[in-house]
N, C-alpha and C. Protein backbone atom coordinates (compact mmCIF):
# COMPACT_ATOMS: atom_id res chain seq x y z
N UNK A 1 8.88 31.28 -12.74
CA UNK A 1 7.52 30.78 -12.64
C UNK A 1 7.55 29.38 -12.03
N UNK A 2 6.58 29.09 -11.20
CA UNK A 2 6.50 27.79 -10.53
C UNK A 2 6.19 26.69 -11.52
N UNK A 3 6.66 25.47 -11.20
CA UNK A 3 6.31 24.31 -12.02
C UNK A 3 4.83 24.02 -11.89
N UNK A 4 4.21 23.63 -12.97
CA UNK A 4 2.79 23.28 -12.92
C UNK A 4 2.63 21.84 -13.38
N UNK A 5 2.05 21.02 -12.51
CA UNK A 5 1.82 19.63 -12.81
C UNK A 5 0.33 19.34 -12.66
N UNK A 6 -0.15 18.37 -13.39
CA UNK A 6 -1.52 17.95 -13.27
C UNK A 6 -1.51 16.49 -12.85
N UNK A 7 -2.06 16.21 -11.69
CA UNK A 7 -2.07 14.84 -11.17
C UNK A 7 -2.89 13.96 -12.09
N UNK A 8 -2.38 12.80 -12.40
CA UNK A 8 -3.06 11.84 -13.26
C UNK A 8 -2.70 10.45 -12.75
N UNK A 9 -3.42 9.46 -13.19
CA UNK A 9 -3.09 8.08 -12.85
C UNK A 9 -2.05 7.57 -13.83
N UNK A 10 -1.12 6.73 -13.35
CA UNK A 10 -0.20 6.09 -14.28
C UNK A 10 -0.82 4.83 -14.87
N UNK A 11 -1.87 4.34 -14.24
CA UNK A 11 -2.63 3.18 -14.74
C UNK A 11 -4.05 3.32 -14.23
N UNK A 12 -5.01 2.85 -15.00
CA UNK A 12 -6.41 2.94 -14.56
C UNK A 12 -6.67 2.00 -13.40
N UNK A 13 -7.54 2.40 -12.47
CA UNK A 13 -7.91 1.50 -11.37
C UNK A 13 -8.75 0.34 -11.89
N UNK A 14 -8.88 -0.73 -11.11
CA UNK A 14 -9.68 -1.88 -11.56
C UNK A 14 -11.14 -1.49 -11.73
N UNK A 15 -11.80 -2.12 -12.69
CA UNK A 15 -13.20 -1.84 -12.97
C UNK A 15 -14.13 -2.85 -12.31
N UNK A 16 -13.56 -3.80 -11.60
CA UNK A 16 -14.34 -4.80 -10.85
C UNK A 16 -13.58 -5.11 -9.57
N UNK A 17 -14.26 -5.71 -8.60
CA UNK A 17 -13.60 -6.08 -7.35
C UNK A 17 -12.41 -6.99 -7.65
N UNK A 18 -11.34 -6.81 -6.89
CA UNK A 18 -10.20 -7.71 -7.00
C UNK A 18 -10.47 -8.95 -6.16
N UNK A 19 -9.62 -9.95 -6.29
CA UNK A 19 -9.80 -11.21 -5.57
C UNK A 19 -9.67 -11.00 -4.06
N UNK A 20 -10.58 -11.60 -3.31
CA UNK A 20 -10.52 -11.51 -1.84
C UNK A 20 -9.29 -12.24 -1.32
N UNK A 21 -8.65 -11.65 -0.33
CA UNK A 21 -7.49 -12.26 0.31
C UNK A 21 -7.98 -12.96 1.57
N UNK A 22 -7.69 -14.25 1.68
CA UNK A 22 -8.11 -15.01 2.85
C UNK A 22 -6.93 -15.67 3.56
N UNK A 23 -5.72 -15.51 3.02
CA UNK A 23 -4.53 -16.12 3.61
C UNK A 23 -4.16 -15.44 4.92
N UNK A 24 -3.46 -16.15 5.79
CA UNK A 24 -2.97 -15.59 7.04
C UNK A 24 -1.47 -15.29 6.96
N UNK A 25 -0.92 -15.33 5.75
CA UNK A 25 0.46 -14.94 5.50
C UNK A 25 0.45 -13.68 4.64
N UNK A 26 1.57 -12.98 4.58
CA UNK A 26 1.60 -11.72 3.82
C UNK A 26 1.23 -11.97 2.37
N UNK A 27 0.28 -11.17 1.88
CA UNK A 27 -0.21 -11.27 0.52
C UNK A 27 -0.35 -9.86 -0.04
N UNK A 28 0.03 -9.67 -1.29
CA UNK A 28 -0.14 -8.36 -1.94
C UNK A 28 -1.62 -8.05 -2.09
N UNK A 29 -2.00 -6.83 -1.77
CA UNK A 29 -3.40 -6.43 -1.90
C UNK A 29 -3.86 -6.37 -3.36
N UNK A 30 -2.94 -6.12 -4.27
CA UNK A 30 -3.26 -6.05 -5.71
C UNK A 30 -2.01 -6.32 -6.50
N UNK A 31 -2.16 -6.44 -7.80
CA UNK A 31 -1.05 -6.65 -8.73
C UNK A 31 -0.40 -5.28 -8.98
N UNK A 32 0.77 -5.05 -8.43
CA UNK A 32 1.43 -3.74 -8.54
C UNK A 32 1.78 -3.39 -9.98
N UNK A 33 2.18 -4.36 -10.78
CA UNK A 33 2.51 -4.07 -12.18
C UNK A 33 1.30 -3.54 -12.94
N UNK A 34 0.12 -3.95 -12.52
CA UNK A 34 -1.09 -3.54 -13.22
C UNK A 34 -1.72 -2.26 -12.65
N UNK A 35 -1.73 -2.10 -11.32
CA UNK A 35 -2.47 -0.99 -10.73
C UNK A 35 -1.62 0.08 -10.05
N UNK A 36 -0.37 -0.21 -9.67
CA UNK A 36 0.49 0.80 -9.05
C UNK A 36 1.91 0.75 -9.63
N UNK A 37 2.00 0.83 -10.97
CA UNK A 37 3.32 0.72 -11.62
C UNK A 37 4.10 2.04 -11.58
N UNK A 38 5.42 1.91 -11.65
CA UNK A 38 6.32 3.05 -11.80
C UNK A 38 7.24 2.71 -12.96
N UNK A 39 7.30 3.58 -13.95
CA UNK A 39 8.13 3.34 -15.13
C UNK A 39 9.61 3.43 -14.79
N UNK A 40 10.42 2.74 -15.57
CA UNK A 40 11.87 2.81 -15.41
C UNK A 40 12.32 4.26 -15.57
N UNK A 41 13.22 4.69 -14.72
CA UNK A 41 13.82 6.02 -14.75
C UNK A 41 12.83 7.17 -14.53
N UNK A 42 11.65 6.87 -14.01
CA UNK A 42 10.66 7.94 -13.73
C UNK A 42 10.99 8.67 -12.44
N UNK A 43 11.61 7.97 -11.52
CA UNK A 43 11.96 8.54 -10.22
C UNK A 43 13.06 9.59 -10.38
N UNK A 44 12.94 10.67 -9.68
CA UNK A 44 13.98 11.69 -9.59
C UNK A 44 13.93 12.25 -8.17
N UNK A 45 15.00 12.84 -7.68
CA UNK A 45 14.96 13.37 -6.32
C UNK A 45 13.79 14.35 -6.15
N UNK A 46 12.99 14.12 -5.14
CA UNK A 46 11.84 14.96 -4.86
C UNK A 46 10.54 14.49 -5.49
N UNK A 47 10.60 13.46 -6.33
CA UNK A 47 9.37 12.93 -6.95
C UNK A 47 8.52 12.26 -5.88
N UNK A 48 7.21 12.51 -5.92
CA UNK A 48 6.28 11.98 -4.91
C UNK A 48 5.22 11.14 -5.61
N UNK A 49 4.99 9.94 -5.08
CA UNK A 49 3.92 9.06 -5.56
C UNK A 49 2.91 8.87 -4.44
N UNK A 50 1.63 8.90 -4.82
CA UNK A 50 0.56 8.65 -3.85
C UNK A 50 -0.21 7.42 -4.28
N UNK A 51 -0.31 6.45 -3.37
CA UNK A 51 -1.08 5.24 -3.61
C UNK A 51 -2.34 5.34 -2.74
N UNK A 52 -3.49 5.12 -3.35
CA UNK A 52 -4.76 5.14 -2.65
C UNK A 52 -5.51 3.86 -3.00
N UNK A 53 -6.12 3.24 -2.01
CA UNK A 53 -6.88 2.01 -2.25
C UNK A 53 -8.00 1.93 -1.23
N UNK A 54 -9.00 1.14 -1.55
CA UNK A 54 -10.10 0.95 -0.62
C UNK A 54 -10.81 -0.35 -0.92
N UNK A 55 -11.62 -0.79 0.03
CA UNK A 55 -12.34 -2.03 -0.16
C UNK A 55 -13.18 -2.38 1.04
N UNK A 56 -13.39 -3.67 1.21
CA UNK A 56 -14.15 -4.18 2.35
C UNK A 56 -13.35 -5.28 3.04
N UNK A 57 -13.58 -5.42 4.35
CA UNK A 57 -12.86 -6.42 5.14
C UNK A 57 -13.83 -7.09 6.10
N UNK A 58 -13.60 -8.37 6.34
CA UNK A 58 -14.37 -9.12 7.34
C UNK A 58 -13.40 -9.84 8.24
N UNK A 59 -13.71 -9.90 9.54
CA UNK A 59 -12.87 -10.63 10.48
C UNK A 59 -13.74 -11.65 11.20
N UNK A 60 -13.17 -12.82 11.45
CA UNK A 60 -13.92 -13.87 12.11
C UNK A 60 -13.60 -14.00 13.58
N UNK A 61 -12.47 -13.44 13.99
CA UNK A 61 -12.04 -13.57 15.38
C UNK A 61 -11.09 -12.42 15.67
N UNK A 62 -10.69 -12.31 16.92
CA UNK A 62 -9.72 -11.29 17.28
C UNK A 62 -8.35 -11.74 16.78
N UNK A 63 -7.68 -10.87 16.09
CA UNK A 63 -6.35 -11.18 15.58
C UNK A 63 -5.60 -9.89 15.35
N UNK A 64 -4.50 -9.98 14.64
CA UNK A 64 -3.69 -8.79 14.37
C UNK A 64 -3.53 -8.58 12.87
N UNK A 65 -3.32 -7.32 12.53
CA UNK A 65 -3.14 -6.91 11.14
C UNK A 65 -1.81 -6.19 11.01
N UNK A 66 -1.04 -6.57 9.98
CA UNK A 66 0.21 -5.89 9.66
C UNK A 66 0.13 -5.43 8.21
N UNK A 67 0.47 -4.16 7.97
CA UNK A 67 0.50 -3.60 6.62
C UNK A 67 1.97 -3.31 6.30
N UNK A 68 2.44 -3.81 5.14
CA UNK A 68 3.84 -3.66 4.76
C UNK A 68 3.97 -3.03 3.38
N UNK A 69 4.45 -1.78 3.29
CA UNK A 69 4.68 -1.18 1.98
C UNK A 69 6.03 -1.65 1.42
N UNK A 70 6.03 -1.95 0.13
CA UNK A 70 7.26 -2.41 -0.52
C UNK A 70 7.46 -1.68 -1.84
N UNK A 71 8.70 -1.35 -2.13
CA UNK A 71 9.06 -0.78 -3.43
C UNK A 71 9.50 -1.97 -4.28
N UNK A 72 8.64 -2.37 -5.18
CA UNK A 72 8.88 -3.56 -6.00
C UNK A 72 7.53 -4.14 -6.38
N UNK A 73 7.55 -5.15 -7.21
CA UNK A 73 6.32 -5.68 -7.78
C UNK A 73 5.68 -6.81 -7.00
N UNK A 74 6.39 -7.38 -6.00
CA UNK A 74 5.82 -8.48 -5.22
C UNK A 74 6.23 -8.35 -3.76
N UNK A 75 5.54 -9.09 -2.90
CA UNK A 75 5.93 -9.08 -1.48
C UNK A 75 7.25 -9.82 -1.29
N UNK A 76 7.55 -10.78 -2.16
CA UNK A 76 8.78 -11.54 -2.01
C UNK A 76 10.01 -10.81 -2.51
N UNK A 77 9.86 -9.99 -3.54
CA UNK A 77 11.01 -9.34 -4.14
C UNK A 77 11.08 -7.85 -3.84
N UNK A 78 10.02 -7.27 -3.31
CA UNK A 78 10.02 -5.84 -3.02
C UNK A 78 10.83 -5.51 -1.78
N UNK A 79 11.40 -4.31 -1.77
CA UNK A 79 12.19 -3.84 -0.63
C UNK A 79 11.23 -3.13 0.33
N UNK A 80 11.21 -3.57 1.58
CA UNK A 80 10.25 -3.00 2.54
C UNK A 80 10.61 -1.56 2.90
N UNK A 81 9.56 -0.77 3.08
CA UNK A 81 9.71 0.61 3.52
C UNK A 81 9.18 0.77 4.94
N UNK A 82 9.10 -0.34 5.67
CA UNK A 82 8.72 -0.29 7.08
C UNK A 82 7.34 -0.83 7.37
N UNK A 83 7.28 -2.06 7.87
CA UNK A 83 6.00 -2.67 8.21
C UNK A 83 5.40 -1.99 9.44
N UNK A 84 4.09 -2.04 9.51
CA UNK A 84 3.41 -1.52 10.70
C UNK A 84 3.63 -2.47 11.86
N UNK A 85 3.26 -2.04 13.03
CA UNK A 85 3.20 -2.95 14.16
C UNK A 85 1.99 -3.85 13.98
N UNK A 86 1.89 -4.88 14.78
CA UNK A 86 0.74 -5.80 14.72
C UNK A 86 -0.42 -5.17 15.49
N UNK A 87 -1.40 -4.66 14.74
CA UNK A 87 -2.55 -3.97 15.33
C UNK A 87 -3.70 -4.94 15.52
N UNK A 88 -4.28 -4.98 16.71
CA UNK A 88 -5.44 -5.83 16.97
C UNK A 88 -6.64 -5.29 16.21
N UNK A 89 -7.37 -6.21 15.57
CA UNK A 89 -8.56 -5.83 14.79
C UNK A 89 -9.82 -6.21 15.56
N UNK A 90 -10.93 -5.54 15.28
CA UNK A 90 -12.17 -5.88 15.97
C UNK A 90 -12.67 -7.27 15.57
N UNK A 91 -13.40 -7.90 16.47
CA UNK A 91 -13.94 -9.24 16.25
C UNK A 91 -15.22 -9.15 15.44
N UNK A 92 -15.37 -10.03 14.50
CA UNK A 92 -16.62 -10.24 13.77
C UNK A 92 -17.21 -9.00 13.10
N UNK A 93 -16.39 -8.32 12.30
CA UNK A 93 -16.95 -7.29 11.44
C UNK A 93 -17.18 -7.93 10.07
N UNK A 94 -18.23 -7.52 9.40
CA UNK A 94 -18.57 -8.10 8.10
C UNK A 94 -18.67 -7.00 7.06
N UNK A 95 -17.88 -7.13 6.02
CA UNK A 95 -17.87 -6.18 4.90
C UNK A 95 -17.73 -4.73 5.38
N UNK A 96 -16.82 -4.52 6.30
CA UNK A 96 -16.53 -3.17 6.81
C UNK A 96 -15.67 -2.43 5.78
N UNK A 97 -15.96 -1.17 5.52
CA UNK A 97 -15.14 -0.43 4.57
C UNK A 97 -13.76 -0.11 5.13
N UNK A 98 -12.76 -0.09 4.23
CA UNK A 98 -11.42 0.33 4.60
C UNK A 98 -10.86 1.27 3.54
N UNK A 99 -9.88 2.08 3.96
CA UNK A 99 -9.21 3.02 3.07
C UNK A 99 -7.74 3.05 3.41
N UNK A 100 -6.91 3.05 2.38
CA UNK A 100 -5.45 3.09 2.55
C UNK A 100 -4.92 4.28 1.76
N UNK A 101 -4.01 5.03 2.36
CA UNK A 101 -3.37 6.16 1.69
C UNK A 101 -1.89 6.09 2.01
N UNK A 102 -1.03 6.17 0.99
CA UNK A 102 0.41 6.02 1.17
C UNK A 102 1.14 7.02 0.27
N UNK A 103 2.11 7.74 0.84
CA UNK A 103 2.94 8.66 0.08
C UNK A 103 4.37 8.14 0.07
N UNK A 104 4.97 8.11 -1.11
CA UNK A 104 6.36 7.65 -1.28
C UNK A 104 7.16 8.77 -1.93
N UNK A 105 8.29 9.13 -1.34
CA UNK A 105 9.15 10.19 -1.84
C UNK A 105 10.47 9.60 -2.30
N UNK A 106 10.87 9.95 -3.52
CA UNK A 106 12.19 9.54 -4.02
C UNK A 106 13.20 10.55 -3.48
N UNK A 107 14.13 10.07 -2.68
CA UNK A 107 15.11 10.97 -2.05
C UNK A 107 16.36 11.17 -2.89
N UNK A 108 16.83 10.08 -3.50
CA UNK A 108 18.06 10.20 -4.30
C UNK A 108 18.01 9.17 -5.42
N UNK A 109 18.72 9.48 -6.51
CA UNK A 109 18.81 8.57 -7.65
C UNK A 109 20.28 8.38 -7.97
N UNK A 110 20.70 7.12 -8.02
CA UNK A 110 22.08 6.81 -8.35
C UNK A 110 22.17 6.00 -9.63
N UNK A 111 23.31 5.41 -9.87
CA UNK A 111 23.53 4.58 -11.05
C UNK A 111 22.61 3.36 -10.99
N UNK A 112 22.44 2.70 -12.13
CA UNK A 112 21.61 1.49 -12.18
C UNK A 112 22.03 0.52 -11.09
N UNK A 113 21.07 -0.21 -10.58
CA UNK A 113 21.31 -1.10 -9.44
C UNK A 113 20.66 -0.47 -8.21
N UNK A 114 20.81 -1.11 -7.09
CA UNK A 114 20.19 -0.62 -5.85
C UNK A 114 21.01 0.54 -5.30
N UNK A 115 20.93 1.70 -5.96
CA UNK A 115 21.71 2.87 -5.60
C UNK A 115 20.86 4.13 -5.42
N UNK A 116 19.56 3.95 -5.32
CA UNK A 116 18.64 5.07 -5.12
C UNK A 116 17.91 4.87 -3.79
N UNK A 117 17.33 5.95 -3.27
CA UNK A 117 16.66 5.87 -1.98
C UNK A 117 15.25 6.42 -2.06
N UNK A 118 14.30 5.67 -1.47
CA UNK A 118 12.91 6.12 -1.34
C UNK A 118 12.48 5.94 0.11
N UNK A 119 11.46 6.70 0.49
CA UNK A 119 10.88 6.54 1.82
C UNK A 119 9.41 6.89 1.71
N UNK A 120 8.61 6.25 2.54
CA UNK A 120 7.18 6.54 2.49
C UNK A 120 6.50 6.22 3.80
N UNK A 121 5.36 6.87 4.01
CA UNK A 121 4.53 6.57 5.16
C UNK A 121 3.07 6.56 4.71
N UNK A 122 2.27 5.84 5.46
CA UNK A 122 0.86 5.76 5.11
C UNK A 122 0.01 5.36 6.29
N UNK A 123 -1.30 5.25 6.00
CA UNK A 123 -2.24 4.82 7.03
C UNK A 123 -3.31 3.96 6.39
N UNK A 124 -3.76 3.00 7.18
CA UNK A 124 -4.86 2.13 6.81
C UNK A 124 -5.94 2.33 7.86
N UNK A 125 -7.16 2.62 7.45
CA UNK A 125 -8.25 2.78 8.40
C UNK A 125 -9.39 1.86 8.01
N UNK A 126 -10.05 1.31 9.00
CA UNK A 126 -11.22 0.47 8.74
C UNK A 126 -12.27 0.69 9.82
N UNK A 127 -13.50 0.50 9.40
CA UNK A 127 -14.63 0.60 10.34
C UNK A 127 -14.53 -0.52 11.35
N UNK A 128 -14.97 -0.23 12.56
CA UNK A 128 -15.02 -1.25 13.59
C UNK A 128 -16.42 -1.81 13.74
N UNK A 129 -16.69 -2.35 14.91
CA UNK A 129 -18.02 -2.87 15.21
C UNK A 129 -18.95 -1.68 15.40
N UNK A 130 -20.05 -1.67 14.66
CA UNK A 130 -20.98 -0.55 14.74
C UNK A 130 -21.51 -0.38 16.16
N UNK A 131 -21.71 0.87 16.55
CA UNK A 131 -22.24 1.25 17.86
C UNK A 131 -21.32 0.86 19.01
N UNK A 132 -20.04 0.59 18.70
CA UNK A 132 -19.06 0.28 19.74
C UNK A 132 -17.94 1.32 19.65
N UNK A 133 -17.92 2.22 20.59
CA UNK A 133 -16.94 3.31 20.57
C UNK A 133 -15.51 2.78 20.57
N UNK A 134 -14.68 3.40 19.76
CA UNK A 134 -13.26 3.07 19.75
C UNK A 134 -12.90 1.74 19.12
N UNK A 135 -13.82 1.12 18.36
CA UNK A 135 -13.48 -0.19 17.80
C UNK A 135 -12.93 -0.12 16.38
N UNK A 136 -12.93 1.07 15.79
CA UNK A 136 -12.33 1.22 14.47
C UNK A 136 -10.83 1.00 14.55
N UNK A 137 -10.22 0.75 13.42
CA UNK A 137 -8.79 0.45 13.38
C UNK A 137 -8.06 1.47 12.52
N UNK A 138 -6.96 2.00 13.04
CA UNK A 138 -6.06 2.85 12.27
C UNK A 138 -4.67 2.25 12.41
N UNK A 139 -4.04 1.96 11.29
CA UNK A 139 -2.71 1.37 11.29
C UNK A 139 -1.78 2.29 10.50
N UNK A 140 -0.78 2.84 11.17
CA UNK A 140 0.24 3.64 10.49
C UNK A 140 1.36 2.70 10.06
N UNK A 141 1.93 2.95 8.89
CA UNK A 141 3.00 2.08 8.40
C UNK A 141 4.01 2.87 7.58
N UNK A 142 5.18 2.27 7.35
CA UNK A 142 6.23 2.92 6.57
C UNK A 142 7.23 3.60 7.49
N UNK A 143 7.94 4.58 6.92
CA UNK A 143 8.91 5.36 7.68
C UNK A 143 10.33 4.85 7.64
N UNK A 144 10.58 3.78 6.88
CA UNK A 144 11.93 3.24 6.78
C UNK A 144 12.49 3.50 5.38
N UNK A 145 13.57 4.29 5.26
CA UNK A 145 14.16 4.50 3.94
C UNK A 145 14.60 3.17 3.33
N UNK A 146 14.42 3.05 2.02
CA UNK A 146 14.78 1.81 1.32
C UNK A 146 15.73 2.13 0.18
N UNK A 147 16.73 1.29 0.02
CA UNK A 147 17.66 1.41 -1.10
C UNK A 147 17.14 0.55 -2.23
N UNK A 148 16.88 1.18 -3.39
CA UNK A 148 16.17 0.51 -4.48
C UNK A 148 16.83 0.80 -5.83
N UNK A 149 16.36 0.11 -6.85
CA UNK A 149 16.81 0.33 -8.23
C UNK A 149 15.66 0.98 -9.00
N UNK A 150 15.80 2.25 -9.34
CA UNK A 150 14.75 2.94 -10.10
C UNK A 150 15.03 2.95 -11.60
N UNK A 151 16.08 2.27 -12.03
CA UNK A 151 16.40 2.22 -13.46
C UNK A 151 15.59 1.16 -14.19
N UNK A 152 14.82 0.38 -13.45
CA UNK A 152 13.96 -0.66 -14.05
C UNK A 152 12.50 -0.37 -13.70
N UNK A 153 11.60 -0.86 -14.53
CA UNK A 153 10.17 -0.71 -14.24
C UNK A 153 9.86 -1.44 -12.94
N UNK A 154 9.07 -0.81 -12.10
CA UNK A 154 8.77 -1.38 -10.79
C UNK A 154 7.37 -0.94 -10.38
N UNK A 155 7.10 -0.91 -9.10
CA UNK A 155 5.80 -0.48 -8.60
C UNK A 155 5.83 -0.42 -7.10
N UNK A 156 4.70 -0.07 -6.52
CA UNK A 156 4.56 -0.07 -5.07
C UNK A 156 3.56 -1.16 -4.70
N UNK A 157 4.03 -2.10 -3.89
CA UNK A 157 3.21 -3.21 -3.42
C UNK A 157 2.88 -2.98 -1.96
N UNK A 158 1.64 -3.20 -1.59
CA UNK A 158 1.25 -3.12 -0.19
C UNK A 158 0.88 -4.53 0.26
N UNK A 159 1.61 -5.02 1.25
CA UNK A 159 1.37 -6.36 1.78
C UNK A 159 0.37 -6.33 2.92
N UNK A 160 -0.48 -7.35 2.98
CA UNK A 160 -1.56 -7.49 3.98
C UNK A 160 -1.33 -8.79 4.72
N UNK A 161 -1.23 -8.74 6.05
CA UNK A 161 -1.12 -9.95 6.86
C UNK A 161 -2.14 -9.88 7.98
N UNK A 162 -3.18 -10.70 7.90
CA UNK A 162 -4.18 -10.81 8.96
C UNK A 162 -3.96 -12.17 9.61
N UNK A 163 -3.75 -12.19 10.91
CA UNK A 163 -3.34 -13.41 11.60
C UNK A 163 -4.46 -14.42 11.83
N UNK A 164 -5.69 -14.05 11.55
CA UNK A 164 -6.83 -14.95 11.81
C UNK A 164 -7.67 -15.07 10.55
N UNK A 165 -8.62 -15.99 10.58
CA UNK A 165 -9.53 -16.15 9.45
C UNK A 165 -10.26 -14.84 9.21
N UNK A 166 -10.40 -14.50 7.96
CA UNK A 166 -11.08 -13.28 7.56
C UNK A 166 -10.87 -13.08 6.08
N UNK A 167 -11.30 -11.95 5.57
CA UNK A 167 -11.07 -11.67 4.16
C UNK A 167 -10.95 -10.17 3.94
N UNK A 168 -10.20 -9.83 2.93
CA UNK A 168 -10.01 -8.45 2.52
C UNK A 168 -10.21 -8.41 1.01
N UNK A 169 -11.15 -7.58 0.56
CA UNK A 169 -11.42 -7.46 -0.87
C UNK A 169 -11.13 -6.03 -1.32
N UNK A 170 -10.05 -5.82 -2.07
CA UNK A 170 -9.81 -4.48 -2.62
C UNK A 170 -10.85 -4.17 -3.70
N UNK A 171 -11.46 -3.00 -3.61
CA UNK A 171 -12.43 -2.57 -4.61
C UNK A 171 -11.80 -1.63 -5.63
N UNK A 172 -10.74 -0.94 -5.22
CA UNK A 172 -9.99 -0.08 -6.14
C UNK A 172 -8.58 0.14 -5.60
N UNK A 173 -7.67 0.47 -6.48
CA UNK A 173 -6.29 0.83 -6.13
C UNK A 173 -5.72 1.62 -7.29
N UNK A 174 -4.99 2.69 -6.96
CA UNK A 174 -4.35 3.46 -8.03
C UNK A 174 -3.15 4.21 -7.47
N UNK A 175 -2.29 4.66 -8.40
CA UNK A 175 -1.11 5.43 -8.03
C UNK A 175 -1.14 6.72 -8.84
N UNK A 176 -0.72 7.81 -8.18
CA UNK A 176 -0.62 9.10 -8.84
C UNK A 176 0.76 9.69 -8.60
N UNK A 177 1.44 10.11 -9.66
CA UNK A 177 2.64 10.93 -9.43
C UNK A 177 2.15 12.35 -9.12
N UNK A 178 2.60 12.92 -8.01
CA UNK A 178 2.09 14.23 -7.62
C UNK A 178 2.93 15.38 -8.18
N UNK A 179 4.09 15.08 -8.75
CA UNK A 179 4.90 16.13 -9.37
C UNK A 179 5.76 15.57 -10.48
């Protein structure tokens, strides 16, 4: 008989808007320990995690956006799973909706320490300038296997780097183990 799993959240999503990001350096979109945690020893070969988030974004000028998925709790300590290229964003959008979807697969589990492997890919989409064809933004990211330690509690952090003045406000973020 096939395995039967019921998708659930490992942590509840935020009940209010998260803090707007206005920095032009890489910043975590949310607190991974709170909204996208992974328990110690939860990873096993073939385990799949799905991270979904959404919010609003405003841009003040033409610039570039980089999305960086990390296995770990912070942008400084997390192991990157492959940053996106620098994607040009539309000029002067205000409170445009965005959606992020990321899948992470645990490929192998080894002894404690950085002896396990994960890989993931995702996409970030945002509305562009209304009534302007082709101004929406789609950013693909990930695709780089990462050697990590799954014997300790961790999480999935998504880093946001917008090169120009603007803001990004996450409205929700959650993680689901799919199996």
